[in-house]
């Protein structure tokens, strides 16, 4: 079976905080709890980055965290997808322009889905992941008018 088809039905998430205030981290963790039931979409937290399919990035990417983010991304098996969660991971947020911040995750790795907000709600995070899965299926959830993938919930 094609690996993309497998990922589409059971994506395993890897969460990486690149230097956030933890607001987005709390919402990501809330999104994977039984209250929101992410397993109905097959979404589970991966035990290791080497088993992950979707890398969830939170926080403004600092220079040191950028190196680690690149290394984690390279350790993931193909196909791999990246979701930037929160204003900081999308663009650097309020830390954009700081001496130690590179900006958003897209400065280091290819981002497939952006979920803006400060912090985004757990429903928005799950909606973005589901839209990414639909995008893999060739369905709705493609690019928005600005050329960036939709998923802005």
N, C-alpha and C. Protein backbone atom coordinates (compact mmCIF):
# COMPACT_ATOMS: atom_id res chain seq x y z
N UNK A 1 0.84 -1.18 0.00
CA UNK A 1 0.00 0.00 0.00
C UNK A 1 0.89 1.24 0.00
N UNK A 2 0.47 2.25 -0.70
CA UNK A 2 1.21 3.49 -0.80
C UNK A 2 1.30 4.15 0.58
N UNK A 3 2.47 4.65 0.95
CA UNK A 3 2.68 5.23 2.27
C UNK A 3 1.80 6.46 2.51
N UNK A 4 1.55 7.26 1.48
CA UNK A 4 0.68 8.43 1.65
C UNK A 4 -0.72 8.00 2.04
N UNK A 5 -1.20 6.88 1.47
CA UNK A 5 -2.52 6.38 1.84
C UNK A 5 -2.55 5.97 3.31
N UNK A 6 -1.47 5.37 3.78
CA UNK A 6 -1.40 4.96 5.18
C UNK A 6 -1.43 6.18 6.09
N UNK A 7 -0.63 7.20 5.75
CA UNK A 7 -0.57 8.43 6.54
C UNK A 7 -1.94 9.09 6.56
N UNK A 8 -2.65 9.04 5.45
CA UNK A 8 -3.96 9.67 5.34
C UNK A 8 -4.94 9.08 6.35
N UNK A 9 -4.84 7.80 6.63
CA UNK A 9 -5.78 7.15 7.53
C UNK A 9 -5.31 7.08 8.97
N UNK A 10 -4.02 7.18 9.21
CA UNK A 10 -3.52 7.10 10.58
C UNK A 10 -2.25 7.92 10.75
N UNK A 11 -2.39 9.25 10.76
CA UNK A 11 -1.19 10.09 10.92
C UNK A 11 -0.70 10.10 12.36
N UNK A 12 0.59 9.89 12.52
CA UNK A 12 1.20 9.95 13.84
C UNK A 12 1.89 11.29 13.97
N UNK A 13 1.61 11.98 15.06
CA UNK A 13 2.11 13.33 15.27
C UNK A 13 3.37 13.35 16.12
N UNK A 14 4.25 14.27 15.78
CA UNK A 14 5.43 14.57 16.59
C UNK A 14 5.32 16.06 16.92
N UNK A 15 5.39 16.41 18.18
CA UNK A 15 5.24 17.80 18.61
C UNK A 15 6.60 18.34 19.00
N UNK A 16 6.96 19.53 18.45
CA UNK A 16 8.23 20.16 18.78
C UNK A 16 8.00 21.63 19.09
N UNK A 17 8.43 22.05 20.27
CA UNK A 17 8.35 23.44 20.71
C UNK A 17 9.68 24.10 20.41
N UNK A 18 9.67 25.13 19.55
CA UNK A 18 10.91 25.78 19.15
C UNK A 18 11.23 27.00 19.99
N UNK A 19 10.49 27.24 21.02
CA UNK A 19 10.75 28.37 21.90
C UNK A 19 9.50 29.20 22.09
N UNK A 20 8.46 28.60 22.63
CA UNK A 20 7.18 29.28 22.76
C UNK A 20 6.89 29.62 24.21
N UNK A 21 5.81 30.35 24.40
CA UNK A 21 5.35 30.71 25.75
C UNK A 21 4.57 29.55 26.37
N UNK A 22 4.38 28.48 25.64
CA UNK A 22 3.65 27.28 26.03
C UNK A 22 2.15 27.38 25.86
N UNK A 23 1.64 28.51 25.41
CA UNK A 23 0.21 28.63 25.15
C UNK A 23 -0.23 27.67 24.06
N UNK A 24 0.50 27.63 22.95
CA UNK A 24 0.16 26.73 21.84
C UNK A 24 0.40 25.27 22.23
N UNK A 25 1.42 25.02 23.04
CA UNK A 25 1.71 23.65 23.48
C UNK A 25 0.55 23.09 24.28
N UNK A 26 0.00 23.91 25.16
CA UNK A 26 -1.13 23.47 25.96
C UNK A 26 -2.32 23.14 25.07
N UNK A 27 -2.55 23.96 24.04
CA UNK A 27 -3.67 23.72 23.13
C UNK A 27 -3.43 22.49 22.26
N UNK A 28 -2.20 22.24 21.84
CA UNK A 28 -1.89 21.02 21.07
C UNK A 28 -2.13 19.80 21.94
N UNK A 29 -1.67 19.84 23.18
CA UNK A 29 -1.89 18.71 24.08
C UNK A 29 -3.37 18.52 24.37
N UNK A 30 -4.11 19.62 24.49
CA UNK A 30 -5.56 19.52 24.69
C UNK A 30 -6.22 18.88 23.47
N UNK A 31 -5.73 19.21 22.28
CA UNK A 31 -6.33 18.69 21.05
C UNK A 31 -6.17 17.18 20.91
N UNK A 32 -5.18 16.59 21.57
CA UNK A 32 -4.97 15.14 21.43
C UNK A 32 -5.54 14.36 22.62
N UNK A 33 -6.32 15.03 23.45
CA UNK A 33 -6.94 14.35 24.59
C UNK A 33 -8.26 13.70 24.16
N UNK A 34 -8.77 12.77 24.96
CA UNK A 34 -10.04 12.11 24.62
C UNK A 34 -11.23 13.06 24.50
N UNK A 35 -11.14 14.23 25.12
CA UNK A 35 -12.25 15.18 25.03
C UNK A 35 -12.54 15.57 23.57
N UNK A 36 -11.48 15.76 22.78
CA UNK A 36 -11.64 16.12 21.36
C UNK A 36 -11.57 14.90 20.45
N UNK A 37 -11.23 13.76 20.99
CA UNK A 37 -11.23 12.47 20.29
C UNK A 37 -10.53 12.51 18.92
N UNK A 38 -9.21 12.80 18.90
CA UNK A 38 -8.49 12.84 17.62
C UNK A 38 -8.35 11.47 16.97
N UNK A 39 -8.54 10.41 17.74
CA UNK A 39 -8.38 9.07 17.19
C UNK A 39 -9.50 8.70 16.22
N UNK A 40 -10.58 9.47 16.21
CA UNK A 40 -11.62 9.22 15.21
C UNK A 40 -11.11 9.54 13.81
N UNK A 41 -10.04 10.36 13.73
CA UNK A 41 -9.39 10.66 12.46
C UNK A 41 -8.12 9.83 12.29
N UNK A 42 -7.82 8.96 13.26
CA UNK A 42 -6.61 8.16 13.22
C UNK A 42 -5.40 8.86 13.77
N UNK A 43 -5.58 10.06 14.30
CA UNK A 43 -4.46 10.88 14.80
C UNK A 43 -4.00 10.36 16.15
N UNK A 44 -2.70 10.09 16.25
CA UNK A 44 -2.10 9.64 17.51
C UNK A 44 -0.76 10.32 17.67
N UNK A 45 -0.29 10.40 18.90
CA UNK A 45 1.03 10.95 19.19
C UNK A 45 2.07 9.85 18.97
N UNK A 46 3.08 10.13 18.18
CA UNK A 46 4.11 9.13 17.87
C UNK A 46 5.05 8.95 19.05
N UNK A 47 5.51 7.72 19.28
CA UNK A 47 6.44 7.48 20.38
C UNK A 47 7.84 8.00 20.09
N UNK A 48 8.15 8.20 18.82
CA UNK A 48 9.49 8.66 18.43
C UNK A 48 9.38 9.46 17.14
N UNK A 49 10.32 10.37 16.94
CA UNK A 49 10.33 11.15 15.71
C UNK A 49 10.53 10.25 14.49
N UNK A 50 11.17 9.12 14.69
CA UNK A 50 11.42 8.20 13.57
C UNK A 50 10.16 7.43 13.15
N UNK A 51 9.10 7.54 13.95
CA UNK A 51 7.82 6.92 13.61
C UNK A 51 6.79 7.95 13.18
N UNK A 52 7.13 9.24 13.27
CA UNK A 52 6.18 10.31 13.02
C UNK A 52 5.91 10.56 11.54
N UNK A 53 4.70 11.02 11.26
CA UNK A 53 4.30 11.39 9.91
C UNK A 53 4.09 12.89 9.79
N UNK A 54 3.57 13.52 10.85
CA UNK A 54 3.26 14.94 10.85
C UNK A 54 4.01 15.60 12.00
N UNK A 55 4.81 16.60 11.67
CA UNK A 55 5.55 17.36 12.67
C UNK A 55 4.76 18.61 13.01
N UNK A 56 4.34 18.72 14.27
CA UNK A 56 3.61 19.88 14.76
C UNK A 56 4.63 20.83 15.39
N UNK A 57 4.76 22.03 14.84
CA UNK A 57 5.74 23.00 15.33
C UNK A 57 5.01 24.13 16.02
N UNK A 58 5.44 24.45 17.24
CA UNK A 58 4.90 25.59 17.98
C UNK A 58 6.04 26.49 18.38
N UNK A 59 5.78 27.77 18.44
CA UNK A 59 6.76 28.74 18.90
C UNK A 59 7.56 29.37 17.78
N UNK A 60 8.10 30.55 18.09
CA UNK A 60 8.97 31.25 17.15
C UNK A 60 10.27 30.47 17.03
N UNK A 61 10.75 30.30 15.83
CA UNK A 61 11.94 29.49 15.60
C UNK A 61 13.18 30.32 15.90
N UNK A 62 13.87 29.96 16.97
CA UNK A 62 15.12 30.63 17.31
C UNK A 62 16.26 29.99 16.51
N UNK A 63 17.42 30.62 16.52
CA UNK A 63 18.55 30.10 15.74
C UNK A 63 18.95 28.71 16.22
N UNK A 64 19.02 28.52 17.53
CA UNK A 64 19.39 27.20 18.05
C UNK A 64 18.31 26.16 17.81
N UNK A 65 17.06 26.55 18.02
CA UNK A 65 15.96 25.61 17.79
C UNK A 65 15.82 25.28 16.32
N UNK A 66 16.20 26.20 15.44
CA UNK A 66 16.13 25.96 14.00
C UNK A 66 16.99 24.79 13.58
N UNK A 67 18.17 24.68 14.18
CA UNK A 67 19.06 23.55 13.89
C UNK A 67 18.43 22.24 14.32
N UNK A 68 17.83 22.24 15.50
CA UNK A 68 17.19 21.03 16.02
C UNK A 68 15.95 20.66 15.20
N UNK A 69 15.20 21.68 14.80
CA UNK A 69 14.01 21.44 13.97
C UNK A 69 14.42 20.80 12.65
N UNK A 70 15.45 21.28 12.03
CA UNK A 70 15.94 20.72 10.76
C UNK A 70 16.37 19.26 10.97
N UNK A 71 17.07 19.00 12.08
CA UNK A 71 17.54 17.64 12.37
C UNK A 71 16.36 16.69 12.60
N UNK A 72 15.35 17.13 13.36
CA UNK A 72 14.16 16.30 13.58
C UNK A 72 13.44 16.02 12.27
N UNK A 73 13.32 17.04 11.44
CA UNK A 73 12.65 16.90 10.15
C UNK A 73 13.36 15.87 9.28
N UNK A 74 14.67 15.91 9.28
CA UNK A 74 15.46 14.97 8.47
C UNK A 74 15.37 13.54 8.99
N UNK A 75 15.10 13.36 10.29
CA UNK A 75 15.00 12.03 10.88
C UNK A 75 13.65 11.37 10.61
N UNK A 76 12.67 12.15 10.20
CA UNK A 76 11.34 11.59 9.94
C UNK A 76 11.33 10.84 8.62
N UNK A 77 10.58 9.73 8.54
CA UNK A 77 10.49 8.99 7.29
C UNK A 77 9.63 9.73 6.27
N UNK A 78 9.86 9.45 5.00
CA UNK A 78 9.05 10.02 3.93
C UNK A 78 7.76 9.22 3.80
N UNK A 79 6.67 9.78 3.41
CA UNK A 79 6.41 11.21 3.28
C UNK A 79 6.21 11.83 4.66
N UNK A 80 6.62 13.07 4.79
CA UNK A 80 6.49 13.77 6.06
C UNK A 80 5.85 15.13 5.81
N UNK A 81 5.12 15.60 6.80
CA UNK A 81 4.37 16.83 6.67
C UNK A 81 4.59 17.68 7.90
N UNK A 82 4.54 18.99 7.72
CA UNK A 82 4.78 19.93 8.82
C UNK A 82 3.57 20.84 8.96
N UNK A 83 3.13 21.00 10.21
CA UNK A 83 2.03 21.90 10.54
C UNK A 83 2.57 22.94 11.51
N UNK A 84 2.47 24.22 11.12
CA UNK A 84 2.88 25.32 11.99
C UNK A 84 1.66 25.77 12.78
N UNK A 85 1.74 25.67 14.11
CA UNK A 85 0.61 25.98 14.98
C UNK A 85 0.93 27.25 15.77
N UNK A 86 0.07 28.24 15.61
CA UNK A 86 0.21 29.50 16.34
C UNK A 86 0.89 30.57 15.52
N UNK A 87 0.67 31.81 15.93
CA UNK A 87 1.22 32.95 15.21
C UNK A 87 2.74 32.92 15.17
N UNK A 88 3.36 32.48 16.25
CA UNK A 88 4.82 32.46 16.31
C UNK A 88 5.41 31.44 15.32
N UNK A 89 4.82 30.26 15.23
CA UNK A 89 5.32 29.24 14.30
C UNK A 89 5.02 29.62 12.85
N UNK A 90 3.96 30.38 12.63
CA UNK A 90 3.60 30.79 11.27
C UNK A 90 4.50 31.92 10.76
N UNK A 91 4.77 32.91 11.62
CA UNK A 91 5.50 34.08 11.14
C UNK A 91 6.52 34.66 12.11
N UNK A 92 6.63 34.11 13.28
CA UNK A 92 7.50 34.67 14.30
C UNK A 92 6.72 35.43 15.35
N UNK A 93 5.46 35.77 15.01
CA UNK A 93 4.59 36.45 15.96
C UNK A 93 5.19 37.72 16.52
N UNK A 94 4.98 37.96 17.79
CA UNK A 94 5.49 39.18 18.43
C UNK A 94 7.00 39.17 18.54
N UNK A 95 7.62 38.02 18.32
CA UNK A 95 9.09 37.92 18.42
C UNK A 95 9.78 38.13 17.09
N UNK A 96 9.02 38.32 16.03
CA UNK A 96 9.59 38.53 14.70
C UNK A 96 10.49 39.77 14.72
N UNK A 97 11.67 39.62 14.17
CA UNK A 97 12.62 40.73 14.15
C UNK A 97 13.58 40.73 15.33
N UNK A 98 13.38 39.85 16.28
CA UNK A 98 14.28 39.75 17.42
C UNK A 98 15.63 39.18 16.96
N UNK A 99 16.68 39.52 17.68
CA UNK A 99 18.03 39.11 17.28
C UNK A 99 18.21 37.60 17.24
N UNK A 100 17.48 36.85 18.05
CA UNK A 100 17.69 35.41 18.12
C UNK A 100 16.63 34.60 17.37
N UNK A 101 15.65 35.27 16.76
CA UNK A 101 14.54 34.58 16.13
C UNK A 101 14.67 34.64 14.61
N UNK A 102 14.59 33.45 13.99
CA UNK A 102 14.63 33.38 12.53
C UNK A 102 13.30 33.77 11.91
N UNK A 103 12.24 33.61 12.60
CA UNK A 103 10.84 33.90 12.22
C UNK A 103 10.05 32.61 12.31
N UNK A 104 9.20 32.32 11.31
CA UNK A 104 8.35 31.13 11.34
C UNK A 104 9.10 29.87 10.97
N UNK A 105 8.41 28.75 11.11
CA UNK A 105 9.00 27.45 10.82
C UNK A 105 9.35 27.29 9.34
N UNK A 106 8.66 28.05 8.48
CA UNK A 106 8.92 27.92 7.04
C UNK A 106 10.28 28.46 6.64
N UNK A 107 10.99 29.11 7.53
CA UNK A 107 12.36 29.55 7.24
C UNK A 107 13.35 28.40 7.36
N UNK A 108 12.92 27.29 7.98
CA UNK A 108 13.81 26.15 8.22
C UNK A 108 13.36 24.91 7.47
N UNK A 109 12.08 24.61 7.49
CA UNK A 109 11.53 23.43 6.83
C UNK A 109 10.31 23.83 6.00
N UNK A 110 9.92 22.95 5.08
CA UNK A 110 8.74 23.20 4.25
C UNK A 110 7.49 22.96 5.10
N UNK A 111 6.65 23.97 5.22
CA UNK A 111 5.43 23.87 6.02
C UNK A 111 4.27 23.56 5.09
N UNK A 112 3.49 22.55 5.45
CA UNK A 112 2.35 22.12 4.64
C UNK A 112 1.03 22.74 5.07
N UNK A 113 0.93 23.14 6.34
CA UNK A 113 -0.32 23.69 6.84
C UNK A 113 -0.01 24.73 7.90
N UNK A 114 -0.70 25.87 7.84
CA UNK A 114 -0.56 26.93 8.82
C UNK A 114 -1.84 27.02 9.63
N UNK A 115 -1.71 27.07 10.96
CA UNK A 115 -2.86 27.23 11.83
C UNK A 115 -2.56 28.44 12.72
N UNK A 116 -3.01 29.63 12.29
CA UNK A 116 -2.70 30.84 13.05
C UNK A 116 -3.55 30.97 14.31
N UNK A 117 -3.14 31.88 15.16
CA UNK A 117 -3.87 32.15 16.39
C UNK A 117 -2.87 32.31 17.52
N UNK A 118 -3.30 32.93 18.58
CA UNK A 118 -2.39 33.15 19.70
C UNK A 118 -3.15 32.92 21.01
N UNK A 119 -3.25 31.70 21.43
CA UNK A 119 -3.03 30.43 20.74
C UNK A 119 -4.29 29.99 20.00
N UNK A 120 -4.12 29.14 19.01
CA UNK A 120 -5.31 28.60 18.33
C UNK A 120 -6.03 27.61 19.24
N UNK A 121 -7.33 27.50 19.06
CA UNK A 121 -8.12 26.58 19.88
C UNK A 121 -7.85 25.13 19.45
N UNK A 122 -8.05 24.17 20.33
CA UNK A 122 -7.85 22.77 19.97
C UNK A 122 -8.67 22.33 18.76
N UNK A 123 -9.89 22.87 18.64
CA UNK A 123 -10.73 22.53 17.49
C UNK A 123 -10.08 22.99 16.19
N UNK A 124 -9.44 24.17 16.22
CA UNK A 124 -8.77 24.69 15.03
C UNK A 124 -7.56 23.83 14.67
N UNK A 125 -6.86 23.34 15.67
CA UNK A 125 -5.68 22.49 15.42
C UNK A 125 -6.13 21.18 14.77
N UNK A 126 -7.17 20.56 15.33
CA UNK A 126 -7.68 19.33 14.73
C UNK A 126 -8.23 19.58 13.33
N UNK A 127 -8.90 20.71 13.14
CA UNK A 127 -9.44 21.05 11.82
C UNK A 127 -8.31 21.21 10.80
N UNK A 128 -7.22 21.84 11.21
CA UNK A 128 -6.08 21.99 10.31
C UNK A 128 -5.46 20.66 9.93
N UNK A 129 -5.35 19.75 10.89
CA UNK A 129 -4.80 18.43 10.60
C UNK A 129 -5.72 17.66 9.66
N UNK A 130 -7.03 17.75 9.89
CA UNK A 130 -8.00 17.07 9.02
C UNK A 130 -7.94 17.66 7.61
N UNK A 131 -7.80 18.98 7.49
CA UNK A 131 -7.67 19.60 6.17
C UNK A 131 -6.40 19.15 5.47
N UNK A 132 -5.33 18.95 6.23
CA UNK A 132 -4.09 18.42 5.65
C UNK A 132 -4.33 17.01 5.11
N UNK A 133 -5.06 16.20 5.86
CA UNK A 133 -5.36 14.84 5.42
C UNK A 133 -6.23 14.85 4.16
N UNK A 134 -7.20 15.77 4.09
CA UNK A 134 -8.03 15.90 2.89
C UNK A 134 -7.19 16.36 1.71
N UNK A 135 -6.22 17.21 1.98
CA UNK A 135 -5.32 17.68 0.93
C UNK A 135 -4.51 16.51 0.37
N UNK A 136 -4.12 15.58 1.24
CA UNK A 136 -3.40 14.38 0.79
C UNK A 136 -4.28 13.51 -0.09
N UNK A 137 -5.57 13.53 0.22
CA UNK A 137 -6.54 12.74 -0.52
C UNK A 137 -6.89 13.38 -1.86
N UNK A 138 -6.45 14.64 -2.05
CA UNK A 138 -6.77 15.35 -3.28
C UNK A 138 -8.10 16.06 -3.20
N UNK A 139 -8.68 16.10 -2.02
CA UNK A 139 -9.97 16.75 -1.83
C UNK A 139 -9.79 18.20 -1.49
N UNK A 140 -10.77 18.76 -0.76
CA UNK A 140 -10.71 20.17 -0.38
C UNK A 140 -9.57 20.38 0.61
N UNK A 141 -9.27 21.64 0.89
CA UNK A 141 -8.19 21.93 1.83
C UNK A 141 -6.92 22.25 1.09
N UNK A 142 -7.06 22.68 -0.16
CA UNK A 142 -5.89 23.04 -0.97
C UNK A 142 -5.36 24.40 -0.59
N UNK A 143 -4.83 25.12 -1.57
CA UNK A 143 -4.22 26.39 -1.29
C UNK A 143 -5.26 27.49 -1.23
N UNK A 144 -4.99 28.47 -0.40
CA UNK A 144 -5.83 29.65 -0.32
C UNK A 144 -5.41 30.67 -1.35
N UNK A 145 -6.00 31.84 -1.33
CA UNK A 145 -5.72 32.88 -2.30
C UNK A 145 -4.32 33.45 -2.18
N UNK A 146 -3.68 33.30 -1.00
CA UNK A 146 -2.35 33.86 -0.82
C UNK A 146 -1.24 32.89 -1.19
N UNK A 147 -1.58 31.73 -1.72
CA UNK A 147 -0.56 30.76 -2.13
C UNK A 147 -0.16 29.83 -1.01
N UNK A 148 -0.57 30.13 0.22
CA UNK A 148 -0.26 29.26 1.34
C UNK A 148 -1.39 28.26 1.48
N UNK A 149 -1.07 27.06 1.95
CA UNK A 149 -2.15 26.08 2.14
C UNK A 149 -3.17 26.61 3.13
N UNK A 150 -4.40 26.26 2.90
CA UNK A 150 -5.43 26.70 3.84
C UNK A 150 -5.32 25.87 5.10
N UNK A 151 -6.17 26.13 6.02
CA UNK A 151 -6.10 25.48 7.31
C UNK A 151 -6.12 26.53 8.38
N UNK A 152 -6.24 27.77 7.94
CA UNK A 152 -6.34 28.87 8.86
C UNK A 152 -7.70 28.82 9.49
N UNK A 153 -7.77 28.33 10.68
CA UNK A 153 -9.07 28.17 11.33
C UNK A 153 -9.33 29.31 12.28
